[in-house]
N, C-alpha and C. Protein backbone atom coordinates (compact mmCIF):
# COMPACT_ATOMS: atom_id res chain seq x y z
N MET A 1 -36.43 -0.16 -22.32
CA MET A 1 -36.72 -1.42 -21.64
C MET A 1 -36.09 -1.38 -20.24
N VAL A 2 -36.85 -1.82 -19.28
CA VAL A 2 -36.36 -1.91 -17.90
C VAL A 2 -35.52 -3.18 -17.76
N THR A 3 -34.39 -3.05 -17.10
CA THR A 3 -33.51 -4.19 -16.86
C THR A 3 -33.66 -4.64 -15.42
N THR A 4 -33.83 -5.94 -15.24
CA THR A 4 -33.92 -6.52 -13.91
C THR A 4 -32.53 -6.99 -13.51
N ILE A 5 -32.08 -6.53 -12.35
CA ILE A 5 -30.76 -6.90 -11.83
C ILE A 5 -30.96 -7.66 -10.53
N ILE A 6 -30.38 -8.85 -10.47
CA ILE A 6 -30.40 -9.65 -9.24
C ILE A 6 -28.98 -9.64 -8.71
N TYR A 7 -28.81 -8.97 -7.57
CA TYR A 7 -27.48 -8.79 -7.00
C TYR A 7 -27.54 -9.10 -5.52
N ARG A 8 -26.81 -10.14 -5.10
CA ARG A 8 -26.82 -10.58 -3.70
C ARG A 8 -28.24 -10.77 -3.19
N ASP A 9 -29.04 -11.44 -3.96
CA ASP A 9 -30.42 -11.77 -3.61
C ASP A 9 -31.33 -10.55 -3.52
N VAL A 10 -30.91 -9.40 -4.02
CA VAL A 10 -31.75 -8.21 -4.08
C VAL A 10 -32.13 -7.99 -5.54
N VAL A 11 -33.41 -7.84 -5.79
CA VAL A 11 -33.90 -7.63 -7.15
C VAL A 11 -34.20 -6.15 -7.33
N SER A 12 -33.64 -5.57 -8.40
CA SER A 12 -33.85 -4.16 -8.71
C SER A 12 -34.30 -4.03 -10.15
N GLU A 13 -35.12 -3.04 -10.41
CA GLU A 13 -35.53 -2.69 -11.76
C GLU A 13 -34.83 -1.38 -12.10
N VAL A 14 -34.00 -1.39 -13.17
CA VAL A 14 -33.24 -0.20 -13.54
C VAL A 14 -33.62 0.19 -14.97
N ALA A 15 -34.26 1.34 -15.09
CA ALA A 15 -34.71 1.81 -16.40
C ALA A 15 -33.56 2.32 -17.26
N GLY A 16 -32.53 2.88 -16.64
CA GLY A 16 -31.44 3.49 -17.41
C GLY A 16 -30.28 2.56 -17.72
N ALA A 17 -30.38 1.27 -17.38
CA ALA A 17 -29.30 0.33 -17.67
C ALA A 17 -29.18 0.12 -19.17
N LYS A 18 -27.94 -0.06 -19.63
CA LYS A 18 -27.69 -0.24 -21.06
C LYS A 18 -26.90 -1.52 -21.30
N PRO A 19 -27.60 -2.60 -21.68
CA PRO A 19 -26.88 -3.83 -22.03
C PRO A 19 -26.19 -3.68 -23.39
N GLU A 20 -24.96 -4.13 -23.46
CA GLU A 20 -24.20 -4.14 -24.72
C GLU A 20 -23.44 -5.46 -24.80
N GLY A 21 -24.01 -6.41 -25.48
CA GLY A 21 -23.39 -7.73 -25.57
C GLY A 21 -23.29 -8.38 -24.21
N GLU A 22 -22.06 -8.65 -23.77
CA GLU A 22 -21.82 -9.28 -22.47
C GLU A 22 -21.65 -8.27 -21.34
N ASP A 23 -21.83 -6.99 -21.64
CA ASP A 23 -21.62 -5.94 -20.64
C ASP A 23 -22.93 -5.27 -20.27
N LEU A 24 -23.04 -4.89 -19.00
CA LEU A 24 -24.19 -4.13 -18.53
C LEU A 24 -23.68 -2.83 -17.91
N TRP A 25 -24.07 -1.73 -18.52
CA TRP A 25 -23.67 -0.39 -18.08
C TRP A 25 -24.79 0.19 -17.24
N LEU A 26 -24.47 0.58 -16.01
CA LEU A 26 -25.46 1.16 -15.10
C LEU A 26 -25.18 2.64 -14.88
N PRO A 27 -26.23 3.46 -14.85
CA PRO A 27 -26.03 4.85 -14.47
C PRO A 27 -25.51 4.91 -13.03
N LEU A 28 -24.58 5.82 -12.77
CA LEU A 28 -24.04 5.94 -11.42
C LEU A 28 -25.15 6.20 -10.41
N SER A 29 -26.20 6.89 -10.85
CA SER A 29 -27.30 7.19 -9.94
C SER A 29 -28.05 5.93 -9.50
N ASP A 30 -27.93 4.83 -10.24
CA ASP A 30 -28.60 3.57 -9.89
C ASP A 30 -27.65 2.53 -9.33
N LEU A 31 -26.34 2.74 -9.48
CA LEU A 31 -25.36 1.73 -9.10
C LEU A 31 -25.46 1.36 -7.62
N TYR A 32 -25.44 2.33 -6.74
CA TYR A 32 -25.45 2.04 -5.31
C TYR A 32 -26.75 1.39 -4.87
N ASN A 33 -27.87 1.92 -5.31
CA ASN A 33 -29.17 1.39 -4.87
C ASN A 33 -29.42 -0.03 -5.36
N SER A 34 -28.89 -0.39 -6.52
CA SER A 34 -29.15 -1.73 -7.05
C SER A 34 -28.08 -2.75 -6.68
N THR A 35 -26.89 -2.28 -6.27
CA THR A 35 -25.81 -3.24 -5.99
C THR A 35 -25.08 -3.01 -4.68
N GLY A 36 -25.09 -1.80 -4.16
CA GLY A 36 -24.31 -1.48 -2.97
C GLY A 36 -22.93 -0.94 -3.29
N TRP A 37 -22.54 -0.93 -4.58
CA TRP A 37 -21.25 -0.40 -5.00
C TRP A 37 -21.38 1.10 -5.26
N ASP A 38 -20.31 1.83 -4.94
CA ASP A 38 -20.22 3.23 -5.36
C ASP A 38 -18.81 3.47 -5.88
N ILE A 39 -18.66 4.56 -6.60
CA ILE A 39 -17.36 4.87 -7.21
C ILE A 39 -16.70 5.98 -6.40
N ARG A 40 -15.45 5.69 -5.98
CA ARG A 40 -14.66 6.65 -5.21
C ARG A 40 -13.30 6.81 -5.89
N ASP A 41 -12.47 7.67 -5.34
CA ASP A 41 -11.12 7.83 -5.88
C ASP A 41 -10.35 6.52 -5.84
N GLU A 42 -10.64 5.67 -4.84
CA GLU A 42 -9.93 4.39 -4.68
C GLU A 42 -10.35 3.35 -5.71
N GLY A 43 -11.52 3.53 -6.33
CA GLY A 43 -12.05 2.57 -7.29
C GLY A 43 -13.51 2.30 -7.00
N ALA A 44 -13.95 1.09 -7.30
CA ALA A 44 -15.32 0.67 -7.00
C ALA A 44 -15.32 0.16 -5.56
N CYS A 45 -16.21 0.71 -4.74
CA CYS A 45 -16.19 0.38 -3.32
C CYS A 45 -17.56 -0.07 -2.83
N MET A 46 -17.54 -1.05 -1.94
CA MET A 46 -18.72 -1.52 -1.23
C MET A 46 -18.34 -1.53 0.24
N GLY A 47 -18.80 -0.54 0.95
CA GLY A 47 -18.40 -0.40 2.35
C GLY A 47 -16.91 -0.13 2.42
N GLU A 48 -16.20 -0.92 3.20
CA GLU A 48 -14.75 -0.75 3.35
C GLU A 48 -13.95 -1.43 2.24
N LEU A 49 -14.60 -2.31 1.47
CA LEU A 49 -13.92 -3.02 0.39
C LEU A 49 -13.87 -2.13 -0.85
N CYS A 50 -12.67 -1.89 -1.36
CA CYS A 50 -12.51 -1.11 -2.59
C CYS A 50 -11.69 -1.93 -3.59
N VAL A 51 -12.16 -1.95 -4.83
CA VAL A 51 -11.47 -2.65 -5.91
C VAL A 51 -10.93 -1.59 -6.86
N PRO A 52 -9.61 -1.43 -6.92
CA PRO A 52 -9.05 -0.42 -7.83
C PRO A 52 -9.31 -0.76 -9.29
N ILE A 53 -9.60 0.26 -10.07
CA ILE A 53 -9.76 0.07 -11.51
C ILE A 53 -8.34 0.04 -12.10
N PRO A 54 -8.01 -1.00 -12.86
CA PRO A 54 -6.65 -1.11 -13.40
C PRO A 54 -6.28 0.10 -14.28
N SER A 55 -5.09 0.60 -14.08
CA SER A 55 -4.60 1.74 -14.84
C SER A 55 -4.59 1.39 -16.33
N GLY A 56 -5.08 2.30 -17.14
CA GLY A 56 -5.13 2.10 -18.58
C GLY A 56 -6.38 1.37 -19.05
N GLN A 57 -7.18 0.86 -18.12
CA GLN A 57 -8.40 0.14 -18.49
C GLN A 57 -9.66 0.88 -18.07
N GLU A 58 -9.54 2.15 -17.75
CA GLU A 58 -10.68 2.92 -17.26
C GLU A 58 -11.85 2.91 -18.24
N GLY A 59 -11.55 2.87 -19.54
CA GLY A 59 -12.60 2.86 -20.56
C GLY A 59 -13.46 1.61 -20.55
N GLU A 60 -12.95 0.53 -19.97
CA GLU A 60 -13.73 -0.70 -19.85
C GLU A 60 -14.74 -0.62 -18.71
N PHE A 61 -14.54 0.35 -17.81
CA PHE A 61 -15.36 0.45 -16.61
C PHE A 61 -16.27 1.67 -16.60
N ALA A 62 -15.90 2.73 -17.29
CA ALA A 62 -16.70 3.95 -17.26
C ALA A 62 -16.79 4.55 -18.65
N LYS A 63 -17.94 5.16 -18.94
CA LYS A 63 -18.11 5.89 -20.19
C LYS A 63 -19.14 6.98 -19.99
N GLU A 64 -19.35 7.76 -21.03
CA GLU A 64 -20.24 8.92 -20.98
C GLU A 64 -19.85 9.84 -19.82
N ASP A 65 -18.58 10.26 -19.87
CA ASP A 65 -18.01 11.15 -18.84
C ASP A 65 -18.17 10.59 -17.43
N GLY A 66 -18.03 9.28 -17.30
CA GLY A 66 -18.09 8.65 -15.99
C GLY A 66 -19.49 8.48 -15.44
N GLN A 67 -20.51 8.73 -16.25
CA GLN A 67 -21.89 8.61 -15.77
C GLN A 67 -22.44 7.19 -15.88
N LEU A 68 -21.77 6.32 -16.65
CA LEU A 68 -22.16 4.92 -16.77
C LEU A 68 -21.02 4.04 -16.27
N PHE A 69 -21.35 3.00 -15.52
CA PHE A 69 -20.34 2.08 -14.98
C PHE A 69 -20.66 0.67 -15.45
N ASN A 70 -19.63 -0.06 -15.88
CA ASN A 70 -19.78 -1.41 -16.39
C ASN A 70 -19.66 -2.41 -15.23
N LEU A 71 -20.81 -2.83 -14.74
CA LEU A 71 -20.84 -3.75 -13.60
C LEU A 71 -20.25 -5.11 -13.96
N THR A 72 -20.46 -5.57 -15.18
CA THR A 72 -19.91 -6.88 -15.58
C THR A 72 -18.39 -6.84 -15.64
N ALA A 73 -17.80 -5.70 -16.02
CA ALA A 73 -16.34 -5.60 -16.02
C ALA A 73 -15.78 -5.73 -14.61
N LEU A 74 -16.48 -5.15 -13.65
CA LEU A 74 -16.06 -5.28 -12.25
C LEU A 74 -16.12 -6.74 -11.81
N HIS A 75 -17.18 -7.44 -12.18
CA HIS A 75 -17.29 -8.85 -11.80
C HIS A 75 -16.23 -9.71 -12.48
N ARG A 76 -15.93 -9.41 -13.74
CA ARG A 76 -14.85 -10.15 -14.41
C ARG A 76 -13.52 -9.91 -13.69
N LEU A 77 -13.27 -8.66 -13.32
CA LEU A 77 -12.03 -8.33 -12.61
C LEU A 77 -11.93 -9.10 -11.29
N MET A 78 -13.05 -9.28 -10.60
CA MET A 78 -13.04 -9.99 -9.32
C MET A 78 -13.20 -11.50 -9.49
N GLY A 79 -13.37 -11.98 -10.71
CA GLY A 79 -13.51 -13.41 -10.95
C GLY A 79 -14.85 -13.96 -10.49
N GLN A 80 -15.89 -13.13 -10.54
CA GLN A 80 -17.21 -13.54 -10.10
C GLN A 80 -18.13 -13.76 -11.29
N PRO A 81 -19.03 -14.72 -11.18
CA PRO A 81 -19.88 -15.07 -12.32
C PRO A 81 -21.00 -14.07 -12.58
N THR A 82 -21.36 -13.97 -13.84
CA THR A 82 -22.48 -13.15 -14.28
C THR A 82 -23.21 -13.93 -15.37
N VAL A 83 -24.52 -13.99 -15.28
CA VAL A 83 -25.32 -14.58 -16.35
C VAL A 83 -26.45 -13.62 -16.67
N HIS A 84 -26.92 -13.69 -17.91
CA HIS A 84 -28.02 -12.81 -18.29
C HIS A 84 -28.91 -13.45 -19.34
N ASP A 85 -30.14 -12.98 -19.36
CA ASP A 85 -31.11 -13.37 -20.37
C ASP A 85 -31.43 -12.09 -21.13
N GLN A 86 -30.79 -11.93 -22.27
CA GLN A 86 -30.92 -10.70 -23.05
C GLN A 86 -32.36 -10.47 -23.48
N ALA A 87 -33.05 -11.52 -23.86
CA ALA A 87 -34.42 -11.37 -24.36
C ALA A 87 -35.37 -10.82 -23.31
N HIS A 88 -35.15 -11.18 -22.05
CA HIS A 88 -36.03 -10.73 -20.97
C HIS A 88 -35.42 -9.61 -20.12
N GLY A 89 -34.19 -9.22 -20.43
CA GLY A 89 -33.55 -8.12 -19.72
C GLY A 89 -33.27 -8.42 -18.25
N VAL A 90 -32.82 -9.66 -17.98
CA VAL A 90 -32.53 -10.06 -16.60
C VAL A 90 -31.05 -10.38 -16.48
N TRP A 91 -30.40 -9.81 -15.46
CA TRP A 91 -28.98 -10.02 -15.20
C TRP A 91 -28.81 -10.50 -13.78
N LEU A 92 -28.07 -11.59 -13.60
CA LEU A 92 -27.78 -12.14 -12.28
C LEU A 92 -26.28 -12.05 -12.03
N PHE A 93 -25.92 -11.42 -10.93
CA PHE A 93 -24.52 -11.27 -10.55
C PHE A 93 -24.28 -12.14 -9.33
N GLY A 94 -23.44 -13.17 -9.51
CA GLY A 94 -23.19 -14.11 -8.43
C GLY A 94 -21.91 -13.79 -7.68
N GLU A 95 -21.72 -14.53 -6.62
CA GLU A 95 -20.50 -14.41 -5.83
C GLU A 95 -19.73 -15.71 -5.97
N THR A 96 -18.42 -15.60 -5.89
CA THR A 96 -17.60 -16.79 -5.89
C THR A 96 -17.77 -17.48 -4.54
N SER A 97 -17.94 -18.77 -4.59
CA SER A 97 -18.09 -19.54 -3.36
C SER A 97 -16.87 -19.34 -2.46
N PRO A 98 -17.08 -19.17 -1.15
CA PRO A 98 -15.92 -19.04 -0.24
C PRO A 98 -15.00 -20.25 -0.33
N VAL A 99 -15.55 -21.43 -0.60
CA VAL A 99 -14.72 -22.62 -0.72
C VAL A 99 -13.79 -22.48 -1.92
N VAL A 100 -14.34 -22.01 -3.05
CA VAL A 100 -13.52 -21.82 -4.25
C VAL A 100 -12.50 -20.71 -4.02
N THR A 101 -12.94 -19.61 -3.44
CA THR A 101 -12.04 -18.49 -3.18
C THR A 101 -10.90 -18.92 -2.26
N ASP A 102 -11.22 -19.62 -1.18
CA ASP A 102 -10.19 -20.07 -0.26
C ASP A 102 -9.22 -21.04 -0.93
N SER A 103 -9.74 -21.92 -1.80
CA SER A 103 -8.87 -22.91 -2.43
C SER A 103 -7.90 -22.27 -3.41
N LEU A 104 -8.21 -21.06 -3.90
CA LEU A 104 -7.30 -20.38 -4.79
C LEU A 104 -6.03 -19.94 -4.07
N PHE A 105 -6.11 -19.78 -2.77
CA PHE A 105 -4.98 -19.29 -2.01
C PHE A 105 -4.30 -20.38 -1.18
N VAL A 106 -4.88 -21.55 -1.11
CA VAL A 106 -4.32 -22.66 -0.35
C VAL A 106 -3.85 -23.70 -1.35
N HIS A 107 -2.57 -24.01 -1.28
CA HIS A 107 -2.01 -24.95 -2.24
C HIS A 107 -1.67 -26.29 -1.61
N ASP A 108 -2.22 -26.55 -0.45
CA ASP A 108 -1.96 -27.80 0.23
C ASP A 108 -3.12 -28.76 -0.02
N ALA A 109 -2.77 -29.98 -0.37
CA ALA A 109 -3.80 -31.02 -0.53
C ALA A 109 -4.27 -31.44 0.86
N PRO A 110 -5.52 -31.83 0.98
CA PRO A 110 -5.99 -32.29 2.29
C PRO A 110 -5.24 -33.56 2.70
N ASP A 111 -5.02 -33.70 3.97
CA ASP A 111 -4.28 -34.86 4.46
C ASP A 111 -5.16 -36.11 4.38
N PHE A 112 -4.56 -37.24 4.07
CA PHE A 112 -5.24 -38.53 4.08
C PHE A 112 -4.20 -39.61 4.35
N SER A 113 -4.67 -40.78 4.73
CA SER A 113 -3.78 -41.92 5.02
C SER A 113 -4.28 -43.14 4.27
N LEU A 114 -3.34 -43.89 3.70
CA LEU A 114 -3.66 -45.11 2.96
C LEU A 114 -2.56 -46.14 3.19
N PRO A 115 -2.91 -47.41 3.11
CA PRO A 115 -1.87 -48.44 3.25
C PRO A 115 -1.13 -48.65 1.93
N ASP A 116 0.15 -49.02 2.03
CA ASP A 116 0.87 -49.40 0.82
C ASP A 116 0.63 -50.88 0.55
N LEU A 117 1.31 -51.46 -0.42
CA LEU A 117 1.08 -52.86 -0.77
C LEU A 117 1.45 -53.83 0.35
N ASN A 118 2.28 -53.39 1.30
CA ASN A 118 2.68 -54.23 2.43
C ASN A 118 1.82 -53.98 3.67
N GLY A 119 0.84 -53.11 3.56
CA GLY A 119 -0.04 -52.84 4.68
C GLY A 119 0.43 -51.72 5.60
N GLN A 120 1.58 -51.11 5.30
CA GLN A 120 2.07 -50.01 6.14
C GLN A 120 1.29 -48.74 5.79
N ILE A 121 0.83 -48.03 6.81
CA ILE A 121 0.04 -46.82 6.61
C ILE A 121 0.97 -45.63 6.33
N HIS A 122 0.62 -44.87 5.29
CA HIS A 122 1.33 -43.65 4.92
C HIS A 122 0.34 -42.50 4.90
N SER A 123 0.73 -41.37 5.45
CA SER A 123 -0.09 -40.16 5.42
C SER A 123 0.57 -39.15 4.51
N LEU A 124 -0.24 -38.42 3.78
CA LEU A 124 0.31 -37.40 2.90
C LEU A 124 1.12 -36.38 3.70
N SER A 125 0.67 -36.06 4.90
CA SER A 125 1.38 -35.07 5.72
C SER A 125 2.79 -35.52 6.10
N ASP A 126 3.06 -36.84 6.05
CA ASP A 126 4.40 -37.34 6.33
C ASP A 126 5.42 -36.86 5.30
N TYR A 127 4.93 -36.45 4.14
CA TYR A 127 5.80 -36.05 3.04
C TYR A 127 5.77 -34.54 2.78
N ARG A 128 5.24 -33.79 3.75
CA ARG A 128 5.15 -32.34 3.60
C ARG A 128 6.53 -31.77 3.29
N GLY A 129 6.56 -30.87 2.30
CA GLY A 129 7.82 -30.26 1.88
C GLY A 129 8.56 -31.04 0.82
N LYS A 130 8.04 -32.22 0.47
CA LYS A 130 8.67 -33.05 -0.56
C LYS A 130 7.70 -33.18 -1.73
N LYS A 131 8.24 -33.41 -2.91
CA LYS A 131 7.39 -33.64 -4.07
C LYS A 131 6.84 -35.05 -3.99
N VAL A 132 5.53 -35.16 -4.27
CA VAL A 132 4.86 -36.45 -4.18
C VAL A 132 4.07 -36.67 -5.46
N LEU A 133 4.19 -37.84 -6.04
CA LEU A 133 3.38 -38.21 -7.20
C LEU A 133 2.28 -39.13 -6.71
N LEU A 134 1.04 -38.71 -6.90
CA LEU A 134 -0.10 -39.54 -6.51
C LEU A 134 -0.69 -40.16 -7.74
N VAL A 135 -0.86 -41.48 -7.72
CA VAL A 135 -1.46 -42.20 -8.83
C VAL A 135 -2.72 -42.85 -8.30
N SER A 136 -3.81 -42.63 -8.99
CA SER A 136 -5.06 -43.24 -8.57
C SER A 136 -5.70 -43.98 -9.75
N TRP A 137 -6.60 -44.86 -9.42
CA TRP A 137 -7.28 -45.63 -10.45
C TRP A 137 -8.67 -45.97 -9.92
N ALA A 138 -9.62 -45.99 -10.80
CA ALA A 138 -10.97 -46.39 -10.44
C ALA A 138 -11.54 -47.25 -11.55
N SER A 139 -12.39 -48.18 -11.18
CA SER A 139 -12.93 -49.10 -12.16
C SER A 139 -14.22 -48.60 -12.82
N TRP A 140 -14.79 -47.55 -12.31
CA TRP A 140 -16.06 -47.11 -12.89
C TRP A 140 -15.86 -46.24 -14.04
């Protein structure tokens, strides 16, 4: 059965792909053409970006003497979504939204200003570096 792979809006038909449950194993000969990833000494690489394969977990990423690569394992490692329709042999590999990715590394709440019960305006940034408890309520 031919497997359809949708990767970064590129649709590829891969005859040698091997779905196994939640994993999709791609022949190395099809990996680059269908996804842009290749395997180097540094790990899985796309251009200048290389993702090292975790030590001791090589079996989750490669099998059959390194001739098959588990693309879904790479996406799990990078925290990127994957969905598939097993019955129709279609796999979609998504990217994490830049907004979500950026928010994982930024721990600051956005600044806002509100009045207290006496009408005095307070901004969250006025309390930077201090612990703040925010209590909110909505009627809906």
